Amino acid sequence: VGSLSGLMVNLDNKDIQVKDVTEEYVDIE
């Protein structure tokens, strides 16, 4: 992501979303 930001001349928006799957992973295990 850092290297992409360096390549962009004009960055209008950056949105990073995280999905935590720990609970589902532990449940399935």
mmCIF file of all heavy atoms, coordinates in Angstrom:
data_MODEL
# 
_entry.id   MODEL 
# 
loop_
_atom_site.group_PDB 
_atom_site.id 
_atom_site.type_symbol 
_atom_site.label_atom_id 
_atom_site.label_alt_id 
_atom_site.label_comp_id 
_atom_site.label_asym_id 
_atom_site.label_entity_id 
_atom_site.label_seq_id 
_atom_site.pdbx_PDB_ins_code 
_atom_site.Cartn_x 
_atom_site.Cartn_y 
_atom_site.Cartn_z 
_atom_site.occupancy 
_atom_site.B_iso_or_equiv 
_atom_site.pdbx_formal_charge 
_atom_site.auth_seq_id 
_atom_site.auth_comp_id 
_atom_site.auth_asym_id 
_atom_site.auth_atom_id 
_atom_site.pdbx_PDB_model_num 
ATOM 1   N N   . VAL A 1 1  ? 0.843   -1.202  0.000   1.00 0.00 ? 1  VAL A N   1 
ATOM 2   C CA  . VAL A 1 1  ? 0.000   0.000   0.000   1.00 0.00 ? 1  VAL A CA  1 
ATOM 3   C C   . VAL A 1 1  ? 0.874   1.246   0.000   1.00 0.00 ? 1  VAL A C   1 
ATOM 4   O O   . VAL A 1 1  ? 0.595   2.224   -0.701  1.00 0.00 ? 1  VAL A O   1 
ATOM 5   C CB  . VAL A 1 1  ? -0.974  -0.008  1.204   1.00 0.00 ? 1  VAL A CB  1 
ATOM 6   C CG1 . VAL A 1 1  ? -1.688  1.328   1.359   1.00 0.00 ? 1  VAL A CG1 1 
ATOM 7   C CG2 . VAL A 1 1  ? -2.004  -1.118  1.043   1.00 0.00 ? 1  VAL A CG2 1 
ATOM 8   N N   . GLY A 1 2  ? 1.963   1.215   0.750   1.00 0.00 ? 2  GLY A N   1 
ATOM 9   C CA  . GLY A 1 2  ? 2.896   2.349   0.766   1.00 0.00 ? 2  GLY A CA  1 
ATOM 10  C C   . GLY A 1 2  ? 3.513   2.594   -0.594  1.00 0.00 ? 2  GLY A C   1 
ATOM 11  O O   . GLY A 1 2  ? 3.642   3.747   -1.031  1.00 0.00 ? 2  GLY A O   1 
ATOM 12  N N   . SER A 1 3  ? 3.864   1.536   -1.298  1.00 0.00 ? 3  SER A N   1 
ATOM 13  C CA  . SER A 1 3  ? 4.459   1.717   -2.628  1.00 0.00 ? 3  SER A CA  1 
ATOM 14  C C   . SER A 1 3  ? 3.430   2.241   -3.624  1.00 0.00 ? 3  SER A C   1 
ATOM 15  O O   . SER A 1 3  ? 3.758   3.030   -4.506  1.00 0.00 ? 3  SER A O   1 
ATOM 16  C CB  . SER A 1 3  ? 5.071   0.410   -3.134  1.00 0.00 ? 3  SER A CB  1 
ATOM 17  O OG  . SER A 1 3  ? 4.064   -0.551  -3.382  1.00 0.00 ? 3  SER A OG  1 
ATOM 18  N N   . LEU A 1 4  ? 2.165   1.841   -3.458  1.00 0.00 ? 4  LEU A N   1 
ATOM 19  C CA  . LEU A 1 4  ? 1.110   2.372   -4.327  1.00 0.00 ? 4  LEU A CA  1 
ATOM 20  C C   . LEU A 1 4  ? 0.904   3.866   -4.098  1.00 0.00 ? 4  LEU A C   1 
ATOM 21  O O   . LEU A 1 4  ? 0.747   4.631   -5.042  1.00 0.00 ? 4  LEU A O   1 
ATOM 22  C CB  . LEU A 1 4  ? -0.219  1.651   -4.078  1.00 0.00 ? 4  LEU A CB  1 
ATOM 23  C CG  . LEU A 1 4  ? -0.419  0.302   -4.718  1.00 0.00 ? 4  LEU A CG  1 
ATOM 24  C CD1 . LEU A 1 4  ? -1.793  -0.251  -4.357  1.00 0.00 ? 4  LEU A CD1 1 
ATOM 25  C CD2 . LEU A 1 4  ? -0.283  0.375   -6.220  1.00 0.00 ? 4  LEU A CD2 1 
ATOM 26  N N   . SER A 1 5  ? 0.908   4.264   -2.837  1.00 0.00 ? 5  SER A N   1 
ATOM 27  C CA  . SER A 1 5  ? 0.713   5.673   -2.510  1.00 0.00 ? 5  SER A CA  1 
ATOM 28  C C   . SER A 1 5  ? 1.820   6.515   -3.116  1.00 0.00 ? 5  SER A C   1 
ATOM 29  O O   . SER A 1 5  ? 1.582   7.644   -3.546  1.00 0.00 ? 5  SER A O   1 
ATOM 30  C CB  . SER A 1 5  ? 0.676   5.878   -0.992  1.00 0.00 ? 5  SER A CB  1 
ATOM 31  O OG  . SER A 1 5  ? -0.433  5.199   -0.437  1.00 0.00 ? 5  SER A OG  1 
ATOM 32  N N   . GLY A 1 6  ? 3.027   5.972   -3.164  1.00 0.00 ? 6  GLY A N   1 
ATOM 33  C CA  . GLY A 1 6  ? 4.152   6.692   -3.768  1.00 0.00 ? 6  GLY A CA  1 
ATOM 34  C C   . GLY A 1 6  ? 4.011   6.831   -5.273  1.00 0.00 ? 6  GLY A C   1 
ATOM 35  O O   . GLY A 1 6  ? 4.521   7.780   -5.869  1.00 0.00 ? 6  GLY A O   1 
ATOM 36  N N   . LEU A 1 7  ? 3.304   5.913   -5.905  1.00 0.00 ? 7  LEU A N   1 
ATOM 37  C CA  . LEU A 1 7  ? 3.121   5.956   -7.354  1.00 0.00 ? 7  LEU A CA  1 
ATOM 38  C C   . LEU A 1 7  ? 1.980   6.872   -7.782  1.00 0.00 ? 7  LEU A C   1 
ATOM 39  O O   . LEU A 1 7  ? 1.954   7.349   -8.917  1.00 0.00 ? 7  LEU A O   1 
ATOM 40  C CB  . LEU A 1 7  ? 2.837   4.543   -7.896  1.00 0.00 ? 7  LEU A CB  1 
ATOM 41  C CG  . LEU A 1 7  ? 3.954   3.519   -7.771  1.00 0.00 ? 7  LEU A CG  1 
ATOM 42  C CD1 . LEU A 1 7  ? 3.451   2.146   -8.210  1.00 0.00 ? 7  LEU A CD1 1 
ATOM 43  C CD2 . LEU A 1 7  ? 5.149   3.929   -8.609  1.00 0.00 ? 7  LEU A CD2 1 
ATOM 44  N N   . MET A 1 8  ? 1.035   7.099   -6.885  1.00 0.00 ? 8  MET A N   1 
ATOM 45  C CA  . MET A 1 8  ? -0.143  7.895   -7.227  1.00 0.00 ? 8  MET A CA  1 
ATOM 46  C C   . MET A 1 8  ? 0.192   9.384   -7.203  1.00 0.00 ? 8  MET A C   1 
ATOM 47  O O   . MET A 1 8  ? 0.724   9.891   -6.216  1.00 0.00 ? 8  MET A O   1 
ATOM 48  C CB  . MET A 1 8  ? -1.287  7.636   -6.234  1.00 0.00 ? 8  MET A CB  1 
ATOM 49  C CG  . MET A 1 8  ? -1.718  6.209   -6.158  1.00 0.00 ? 8  MET A CG  1 
ATOM 50  S SD  . MET A 1 8  ? -2.521  5.726   -7.674  1.00 0.00 ? 8  MET A SD  1 
ATOM 51  C CE  . MET A 1 8  ? -2.772  4.011   -7.360  1.00 0.00 ? 8  MET A CE  1 
ATOM 52  N N   . VAL A 1 9  ? -0.127  10.063  -8.289  1.00 0.00 ? 9  VAL A N   1 
ATOM 53  C CA  . VAL A 1 9  ? 0.087   11.505  -8.359  1.00 0.00 ? 9  VAL A CA  1 
ATOM 54  C C   . VAL A 1 9  ? -1.023  12.226  -7.609  1.00 0.00 ? 9  VAL A C   1 
ATOM 55  O O   . VAL A 1 9  ? -0.794  13.142  -6.838  1.00 0.00 ? 9  VAL A O   1 
ATOM 56  C CB  . VAL A 1 9  ? 0.138   11.978  -9.841  1.00 0.00 ? 9  VAL A CB  1 
ATOM 57  C CG1 . VAL A 1 9  ? 0.242   13.486  -9.916  1.00 0.00 ? 9  VAL A CG1 1 
ATOM 58  C CG2 . VAL A 1 9  ? 1.284   11.293  -10.558 1.00 0.00 ? 9  VAL A CG2 1 
ATOM 59  N N   . ASN A 1 10 ? -2.256  11.765  -7.814  1.00 0.00 ? 10 ASN A N   1 
ATOM 60  C CA  . ASN A 1 10 ? -3.409  12.403  -7.187  1.00 0.00 ? 10 ASN A CA  1 
ATOM 61  C C   . ASN A 1 10 ? -4.268  11.310  -6.549  1.00 0.00 ? 10 ASN A C   1 
ATOM 62  O O   . ASN A 1 10 ? -4.964  10.597  -7.241  1.00 0.00 ? 10 ASN A O   1 
ATOM 63  C CB  . ASN A 1 10 ? -4.205  13.183  -8.232  1.00 0.00 ? 10 ASN A CB  1 
ATOM 64  C CG  . ASN A 1 10 ? -5.339  13.981  -7.628  1.00 0.00 ? 10 ASN A CG  1 
ATOM 65  O OD1 . ASN A 1 10 ? -5.414  14.128  -6.416  1.00 0.00 ? 10 ASN A OD1 1 
ATOM 66  N ND2 . ASN A 1 10 ? -6.223  14.482  -8.467  1.00 0.00 ? 10 ASN A ND2 1 
ATOM 67  N N   . LEU A 1 11 ? -4.220  11.211  -5.245  1.00 0.00 ? 11 LEU A N   1 
ATOM 68  C CA  . LEU A 1 11 ? -4.978  10.193  -4.521  1.00 0.00 ? 11 LEU A CA  1 
ATOM 69  C C   . LEU A 1 11 ? -6.202  10.855  -3.904  1.00 0.00 ? 11 LEU A C   1 
ATOM 70  O O   . LEU A 1 11 ? -6.097  11.683  -3.012  1.00 0.00 ? 11 LEU A O   1 
ATOM 71  C CB  . LEU A 1 11 ? -4.104  9.560   -3.432  1.00 0.00 ? 11 LEU A CB  1 
ATOM 72  C CG  . LEU A 1 11 ? -4.734  8.467   -2.591  1.00 0.00 ? 11 LEU A CG  1 
ATOM 73  C CD1 . LEU A 1 11 ? -5.092  7.259   -3.464  1.00 0.00 ? 11 LEU A CD1 1 
ATOM 74  C CD2 . LEU A 1 11 ? -3.779  8.034   -1.489  1.00 0.00 ? 11 LEU A CD2 1 
ATOM 75  N N   . ASP A 1 12 ? -7.391  10.512  -4.416  1.00 0.00 ? 12 ASP A N   1 
ATOM 76  C CA  . ASP A 1 12 ? -8.630  11.112  -3.928  1.00 0.00 ? 12 ASP A CA  1 
ATOM 77  C C   . ASP A 1 12 ? -9.122  10.454  -2.644  1.00 0.00 ? 12 ASP A C   1 
ATOM 78  O O   . ASP A 1 12 ? -9.644  11.118  -1.758  1.00 0.00 ? 12 ASP A O   1 
ATOM 79  C CB  . ASP A 1 12 ? -9.747  11.001  -4.988  1.00 0.00 ? 12 ASP A CB  1 
ATOM 80  C CG  . ASP A 1 12 ? -9.457  11.838  -6.214  1.00 0.00 ? 12 ASP A CG  1 
ATOM 81  O OD1 . ASP A 1 12 ? -8.783  12.875  -6.079  1.00 0.00 ? 12 ASP A OD1 1 
ATOM 82  O OD2 . ASP A 1 12 ? -9.902  11.446  -7.307  1.00 0.00 ? 12 ASP A OD2 1 
ATOM 83  N N   . ASN A 1 13 ? -8.977  9.158   -2.545  1.00 0.00 ? 13 ASN A N   1 
ATOM 84  C CA  . ASN A 1 13 ? -9.568  8.451   -1.420  1.00 0.00 ? 13 ASN A CA  1 
ATOM 85  C C   . ASN A 1 13 ? -8.811  7.155   -1.169  1.00 0.00 ? 13 ASN A C   1 
ATOM 86  O O   . ASN A 1 13 ? -8.436  6.457   -2.107  1.00 0.00 ? 13 ASN A O   1 
ATOM 87  C CB  . ASN A 1 13 ? -11.051 8.152   -1.711  1.00 0.00 ? 13 ASN A CB  1 
ATOM 88  C CG  . ASN A 1 13 ? -11.756 7.494   -0.552  1.00 0.00 ? 13 ASN A CG  1 
ATOM 89  O OD1 . ASN A 1 13 ? -11.368 7.645   0.592   1.00 0.00 ? 13 ASN A OD1 1 
ATOM 90  N ND2 . ASN A 1 13 ? -12.806 6.756   -0.854  1.00 0.00 ? 13 ASN A ND2 1 
ATOM 91  N N   . LYS A 1 14 ? -8.608  6.832   0.091   1.00 0.00 ? 14 LYS A N   1 
ATOM 92  C CA  . LYS A 1 14 ? -8.013  5.545   0.461   1.00 0.00 ? 14 LYS A CA  1 
ATOM 93  C C   . LYS A 1 14 ? -8.854  5.005   1.614   1.00 0.00 ? 14 LYS A C   1 
ATOM 94  O O   . LYS A 1 14 ? -9.009  5.652   2.642   1.00 0.00 ? 14 LYS A O   1 
ATOM 95  C CB  . LYS A 1 14 ? -6.556  5.720   0.885   1.00 0.00 ? 14 LYS A CB  1 
ATOM 96  C CG  . LYS A 1 14 ? -5.901  4.424   1.309   1.00 0.00 ? 14 LYS A CG  1 
ATOM 97  C CD  . LYS A 1 14 ? -4.393  4.517   1.448   1.00 0.00 ? 14 LYS A CD  1 
ATOM 98  C CE  . LYS A 1 14 ? -3.998  5.165   2.725   1.00 0.00 ? 14 LYS A CE  1 
ATOM 99  N NZ  . LYS A 1 14 ? -2.541  5.085   2.995   1.00 0.00 ? 14 LYS A NZ  1 
ATOM 100 N N   . ASP A 1 15 ? -9.424  3.831   1.427   1.00 0.00 ? 15 ASP A N   1 
ATOM 101 C CA  . ASP A 1 15 ? -10.301 3.221   2.431   1.00 0.00 ? 15 ASP A CA  1 
ATOM 102 C C   . ASP A 1 15 ? -9.821  1.801   2.683   1.00 0.00 ? 15 ASP A C   1 
ATOM 103 O O   . ASP A 1 15 ? -9.855  0.962   1.786   1.00 0.00 ? 15 ASP A O   1 
ATOM 104 C CB  . ASP A 1 15 ? -11.748 3.236   1.928   1.00 0.00 ? 15 ASP A CB  1 
ATOM 105 C CG  . ASP A 1 15 ? -12.721 2.625   2.922   1.00 0.00 ? 15 ASP A CG  1 
ATOM 106 O OD1 . ASP A 1 15 ? -12.458 2.695   4.127   1.00 0.00 ? 15 ASP A OD1 1 
ATOM 107 O OD2 . ASP A 1 15 ? -13.745 2.082   2.468   1.00 0.00 ? 15 ASP A OD2 1 
ATOM 108 N N   . ILE A 1 16 ? -9.375  1.530   3.888   1.00 0.00 ? 16 ILE A N   1 
ATOM 109 C CA  . ILE A 1 16 ? -8.885  0.192   4.235   1.00 0.00 ? 16 ILE A CA  1 
ATOM 110 C C   . ILE A 1 16 ? -9.840  -0.389  5.262   1.00 0.00 ? 16 ILE A C   1 
ATOM 111 O O   . ILE A 1 16 ? -10.109 0.222   6.296   1.00 0.00 ? 16 ILE A O   1 
ATOM 112 C CB  . ILE A 1 16 ? -7.448  0.248   4.787   1.00 0.00 ? 16 ILE A CB  1 
ATOM 113 C CG1 . ILE A 1 16 ? -6.510  0.786   3.715   1.00 0.00 ? 16 ILE A CG1 1 
ATOM 114 C CG2 . ILE A 1 16 ? -7.014  -1.129  5.274   1.00 0.00 ? 16 ILE A CG2 1 
ATOM 115 C CD1 . ILE A 1 16 ? -5.084  0.973   4.169   1.00 0.00 ? 16 ILE A CD1 1 
ATOM 116 N N   . GLN A 1 17 ? -10.364 -1.583  4.961   1.00 0.00 ? 17 GLN A N   1 
ATOM 117 C CA  . GLN A 1 17 ? -11.296 -2.267  5.855   1.00 0.00 ? 17 GLN A CA  1 
ATOM 118 C C   . GLN A 1 17 ? -10.694 -3.601  6.276   1.00 0.00 ? 17 GLN A C   1 
ATOM 119 O O   . GLN A 1 17 ? -10.048 -4.270  5.479   1.00 0.00 ? 17 GLN A O   1 
ATOM 120 C CB  . GLN A 1 17 ? -12.636 -2.491  5.159   1.00 0.00 ? 17 GLN A CB  1 
ATOM 121 C CG  . GLN A 1 17 ? -13.315 -1.206  4.757   1.00 0.00 ? 17 GLN A CG  1 
ATOM 122 C CD  . GLN A 1 17 ? -14.587 -1.456  3.964   1.00 0.00 ? 17 GLN A CD  1 
ATOM 123 O OE1 . GLN A 1 17 ? -14.989 -2.587  3.753   1.00 0.00 ? 17 GLN A OE1 1 
ATOM 124 N NE2 . GLN A 1 17 ? -15.211 -0.379  3.539   1.00 0.00 ? 17 GLN A NE2 1 
ATOM 125 N N   . VAL A 1 18 ? -10.949 -3.950  7.502   1.00 0.00 ? 18 VAL A N   1 
ATOM 126 C CA  . VAL A 1 18 ? -10.417 -5.194  8.060   1.00 0.00 ? 18 VAL A CA  1 
ATOM 127 C C   . VAL A 1 18 ? -11.584 -6.057  8.522   1.00 0.00 ? 18 VAL A C   1 
ATOM 128 O O   . VAL A 1 18 ? -12.522 -5.563  9.133   1.00 0.00 ? 18 VAL A O   1 
ATOM 129 C CB  . VAL A 1 18 ? -9.485  -4.890  9.256   1.00 0.00 ? 18 VAL A CB  1 
ATOM 130 C CG1 . VAL A 1 18 ? -8.996  -6.178  9.889   1.00 0.00 ? 18 VAL A CG1 1 
ATOM 131 C CG2 . VAL A 1 18 ? -8.329  -4.010  8.837   1.00 0.00 ? 18 VAL A CG2 1 
ATOM 132 N N   . LYS A 1 19 ? -11.501 -7.347  8.204   1.00 0.00 ? 19 LYS A N   1 
ATOM 133 C CA  . LYS A 1 19 ? -12.505 -8.293  8.681   1.00 0.00 ? 19 LYS A CA  1 
ATOM 134 C C   . LYS A 1 19 ? -11.791 -9.318  9.566   1.00 0.00 ? 19 LYS A C   1 
ATOM 135 O O   . LYS A 1 19 ? -10.931 -10.059 9.102   1.00 0.00 ? 19 LYS A O   1 
ATOM 136 C CB  . LYS A 1 19 ? -13.199 -8.990  7.507   1.00 0.00 ? 19 LYS A CB  1 
ATOM 137 C CG  . LYS A 1 19 ? -14.244 -9.990  7.949   1.00 0.00 ? 19 LYS A CG  1 
ATOM 138 C CD  . LYS A 1 19 ? -14.897 -10.669 6.762   1.00 0.00 ? 19 LYS A CD  1 
ATOM 139 C CE  . LYS A 1 19 ? -15.895 -11.711 7.224   1.00 0.00 ? 19 LYS A CE  1 
ATOM 140 N NZ  . LYS A 1 19 ? -16.423 -12.483 6.116   1.00 0.00 ? 19 LYS A NZ  1 
ATOM 141 N N   . ASP A 1 20 ? -12.142 -9.342  10.827  1.00 0.00 ? 20 ASP A N   1 
ATOM 142 C CA  . ASP A 1 20 ? -11.534 -10.273 11.772  1.00 0.00 ? 20 ASP A CA  1 
ATOM 143 C C   . ASP A 1 20 ? -12.300 -11.595 11.733  1.00 0.00 ? 20 ASP A C   1 
ATOM 144 O O   . ASP A 1 20 ? -13.481 -11.641 12.029  1.00 0.00 ? 20 ASP A O   1 
ATOM 145 C CB  . ASP A 1 20 ? -11.569 -9.678  13.183  1.00 0.00 ? 20 ASP A CB  1 
ATOM 146 C CG  . ASP A 1 20 ? -10.815 -10.527 14.191  1.00 0.00 ? 20 ASP A CG  1 
ATOM 147 O OD1 . ASP A 1 20 ? -10.258 -11.586 13.815  1.00 0.00 ? 20 ASP A OD1 1 
ATOM 148 O OD2 . ASP A 1 20 ? -10.778 -10.133 15.371  1.00 0.00 ? 20 ASP A OD2 1 
ATOM 149 N N   . VAL A 1 21 ? -11.609 -12.659 11.346  1.00 0.00 ? 21 VAL A N   1 
ATOM 150 C CA  . VAL A 1 21 ? -12.244 -13.978 11.238  1.00 0.00 ? 21 VAL A CA  1 
ATOM 151 C C   . VAL A 1 21 ? -11.803 -14.910 12.366  1.00 0.00 ? 21 VAL A C   1 
ATOM 152 O O   . VAL A 1 21 ? -12.075 -16.103 12.332  1.00 0.00 ? 21 VAL A O   1 
ATOM 153 C CB  . VAL A 1 21 ? -11.960 -14.628 9.858   1.00 0.00 ? 21 VAL A CB  1 
ATOM 154 C CG1 . VAL A 1 21 ? -12.587 -13.822 8.739   1.00 0.00 ? 21 VAL A CG1 1 
ATOM 155 C CG2 . VAL A 1 21 ? -10.474 -14.815 9.638   1.00 0.00 ? 21 VAL A CG2 1 
ATOM 156 N N   . THR A 1 22 ? -11.165 -14.352 13.387  1.00 0.00 ? 22 THR A N   1 
ATOM 157 C CA  . THR A 1 22 ? -10.632 -15.164 14.480  1.00 0.00 ? 22 THR A CA  1 
ATOM 158 C C   . THR A 1 22 ? -11.712 -15.988 15.169  1.00 0.00 ? 22 THR A C   1 
ATOM 159 O O   . THR A 1 22 ? -11.540 -17.188 15.394  1.00 0.00 ? 22 THR A O   1 
ATOM 160 C CB  . THR A 1 22 ? -9.931  -14.262 15.522  1.00 0.00 ? 22 THR A CB  1 
ATOM 161 O OG1 . THR A 1 22 ? -8.940  -13.484 14.865  1.00 0.00 ? 22 THR A OG1 1 
ATOM 162 C CG2 . THR A 1 22 ? -9.296  -15.087 16.621  1.00 0.00 ? 22 THR A CG2 1 
ATOM 163 N N   . GLU A 1 23 ? -12.831 -15.351 15.501  1.00 0.00 ? 23 GLU A N   1 
ATOM 164 C CA  . GLU A 1 23 ? -13.892 -16.055 16.226  1.00 0.00 ? 23 GLU A CA  1 
ATOM 165 C C   . GLU A 1 23 ? -14.435 -17.222 15.404  1.00 0.00 ? 23 GLU A C   1 
ATOM 166 O O   . GLU A 1 23 ? -14.607 -18.338 15.921  1.00 0.00 ? 23 GLU A O   1 
ATOM 167 C CB  . GLU A 1 23 ? -15.026 -15.080 16.551  1.00 0.00 ? 23 GLU A CB  1 
ATOM 168 C CG  . GLU A 1 23 ? -16.122 -15.690 17.396  1.00 0.00 ? 23 GLU A CG  1 
ATOM 169 C CD  . GLU A 1 23 ? -17.199 -14.679 17.764  1.00 0.00 ? 23 GLU A CD  1 
ATOM 170 O OE1 . GLU A 1 23 ? -16.900 -13.491 17.914  1.00 0.00 ? 23 GLU A OE1 1 
ATOM 171 O OE2 . GLU A 1 23 ? -18.358 -15.114 17.884  1.00 0.00 ? 23 GLU A OE2 1 
ATOM 172 N N   . GLU A 1 24 ? -14.696 -16.980 14.129  1.00 0.00 ? 24 GLU A N   1 
ATOM 173 C CA  . GLU A 1 24 ? -15.212 -18.052 13.267  1.00 0.00 ? 24 GLU A CA  1 
ATOM 174 C C   . GLU A 1 24 ? -14.177 -19.165 13.122  1.00 0.00 ? 24 GLU A C   1 
ATOM 175 O O   . GLU A 1 24 ? -14.511 -20.347 13.166  1.00 0.00 ? 24 GLU A O   1 
ATOM 176 C CB  . GLU A 1 24 ? -15.585 -17.491 11.898  1.00 0.00 ? 24 GLU A CB  1 
ATOM 177 C CG  . GLU A 1 24 ? -16.180 -18.532 10.982  1.00 0.00 ? 24 GLU A CG  1 
ATOM 178 C CD  . GLU A 1 24 ? -16.561 -17.983 9.611   1.00 0.00 ? 24 GLU A CD  1 
ATOM 179 O OE1 . GLU A 1 24 ? -16.324 -16.803 9.320   1.00 0.00 ? 24 GLU A OE1 1 
ATOM 180 O OE2 . GLU A 1 24 ? -17.098 -18.782 8.819   1.00 0.00 ? 24 GLU A OE2 1 
ATOM 181 N N   . TYR A 1 25 ? -12.907 -18.802 12.963  1.00 0.00 ? 25 TYR A N   1 
ATOM 182 C CA  . TYR A 1 25 ? -11.824 -19.773 12.799  1.00 0.00 ? 25 TYR A CA  1 
ATOM 183 C C   . TYR A 1 25 ? -11.737 -20.683 14.029  1.00 0.00 ? 25 TYR A C   1 
ATOM 184 O O   . TYR A 1 25 ? -11.707 -21.904 13.914  1.00 0.00 ? 25 TYR A O   1 
ATOM 185 C CB  . TYR A 1 25 ? -10.503 -19.022 12.584  1.00 0.00 ? 25 TYR A CB  1 
ATOM 186 C CG  . TYR A 1 25 ? -9.342  -19.896 12.223  1.00 0.00 ? 25 TYR A CG  1 
ATOM 187 C CD1 . TYR A 1 25 ? -9.023  -20.150 10.895  1.00 0.00 ? 25 TYR A CD1 1 
ATOM 188 C CD2 . TYR A 1 25 ? -8.537  -20.471 13.205  1.00 0.00 ? 25 TYR A CD2 1 
ATOM 189 C CE1 . TYR A 1 25 ? -7.943  -20.943 10.559  1.00 0.00 ? 25 TYR A CE1 1 
ATOM 190 C CE2 . TYR A 1 25 ? -7.458  -21.270 12.880  1.00 0.00 ? 25 TYR A CE2 1 
ATOM 191 C CZ  . TYR A 1 25 ? -7.169  -21.503 11.550  1.00 0.00 ? 25 TYR A CZ  1 
ATOM 192 O OH  . TYR A 1 25 ? -6.108  -22.303 11.223  1.00 0.00 ? 25 TYR A OH  1 
ATOM 193 N N   . VAL A 1 26 ? -11.727 -20.080 15.209  1.00 0.00 ? 26 VAL A N   1 
ATOM 194 C CA  . VAL A 1 26 ? -11.629 -20.852 16.457  1.00 0.00 ? 26 VAL A CA  1 
ATOM 195 C C   . VAL A 1 26 ? -12.856 -21.738 16.630  1.00 0.00 ? 26 VAL A C   1 
ATOM 196 O O   . VAL A 1 26 ? -12.753 -22.900 17.034  1.00 0.00 ? 26 VAL A O   1 
ATOM 197 C CB  . VAL A 1 26 ? -11.442 -19.905 17.664  1.00 0.00 ? 26 VAL A CB  1 
ATOM 198 C CG1 . VAL A 1 26 ? -11.568 -20.645 18.978  1.00 0.00 ? 26 VAL A CG1 1 
ATOM 199 C CG2 . VAL A 1 26 ? -10.094 -19.204 17.582  1.00 0.00 ? 26 VAL A CG2 1 
ATOM 200 N N   . ASP A 1 27 ? -14.034 -21.201 16.304  1.00 0.00 ? 27 ASP A N   1 
ATOM 201 C CA  . ASP A 1 27 ? -15.272 -21.973 16.411  1.00 0.00 ? 27 ASP A CA  1 
ATOM 202 C C   . ASP A 1 27 ? -15.232 -23.194 15.501  1.00 0.00 ? 27 ASP A C   1 
ATOM 203 O O   . ASP A 1 27 ? -15.567 -24.300 15.923  1.00 0.00 ? 27 ASP A O   1 
ATOM 204 C CB  . ASP A 1 27 ? -16.472 -21.084 16.062  1.00 0.00 ? 27 ASP A CB  1 
ATOM 205 C CG  . ASP A 1 27 ? -17.781 -21.846 16.106  1.00 0.00 ? 27 ASP A CG  1 
ATOM 206 O OD1 . ASP A 1 27 ? -18.107 -22.410 17.174  1.00 0.00 ? 27 ASP A OD1 1 
ATOM 207 O OD2 . ASP A 1 27 ? -18.484 -21.879 15.076  1.00 0.00 ? 27 ASP A OD2 1 
ATOM 208 N N   . ILE A 1 28 ? -14.818 -23.015 14.277  1.00 0.00 ? 28 ILE A N   1 
ATOM 209 C CA  . ILE A 1 28 ? -14.775 -24.139 13.332  1.00 0.00 ? 28 ILE A CA  1 
ATOM 210 C C   . ILE A 1 28 ? -13.741 -25.167 13.766  1.00 0.00 ? 28 ILE A C   1 
ATOM 211 O O   . ILE A 1 28 ? -13.995 -26.371 13.704  1.00 0.00 ? 28 ILE A O   1 
ATOM 212 C CB  . ILE A 1 28 ? -14.517 -23.648 11.894  1.00 0.00 ? 28 ILE A CB  1 
ATOM 213 C CG1 . ILE A 1 28 ? -15.740 -22.873 11.397  1.00 0.00 ? 28 ILE A CG1 1 
ATOM 214 C CG2 . ILE A 1 28 ? -14.210 -24.817 10.969  1.00 0.00 ? 28 ILE A CG2 1 
ATOM 215 C CD1 . ILE A 1 28 ? -15.554 -22.218 10.047  1.00 0.00 ? 28 ILE A CD1 1 
ATOM 216 N N   . GLU A 1 29 ? -12.583 -24.703 14.226  1.00 0.00 ? 29 GLU A N   1 
ATOM 217 C CA  . GLU A 1 29 ? -11.571 -25.648 14.717  1.00 0.00 ? 29 GLU A CA  1 
ATOM 218 C C   . GLU A 1 29 ? -12.126 -26.495 15.859  1.00 0.00 ? 29 GLU A C   1 
ATOM 219 O O   . GLU A 1 29 ? -11.921 -27.710 15.901  1.00 0.00 ? 29 GLU A O   1 
ATOM 220 C CB  . GLU A 1 29 ? -10.332 -24.893 15.215  1.00 0.00 ? 29 GLU A CB  1 
ATOM 221 C CG  . GLU A 1 29 ? -9.328  -24.581 14.165  1.00 0.00 ? 29 GLU A CG  1 
ATOM 222 C CD  . GLU A 1 29 ? -8.031  -24.060 14.764  1.00 0.00 ? 29 GLU A CD  1 
ATOM 223 O OE1 . GLU A 1 29 ? -8.053  -23.372 15.797  1.00 0.00 ? 29 GLU A OE1 1 
ATOM 224 O OE2 . GLU A 1 29 ? -6.985  -24.362 14.170  1.00 0.00 ? 29 GLU A OE2 1 
# 
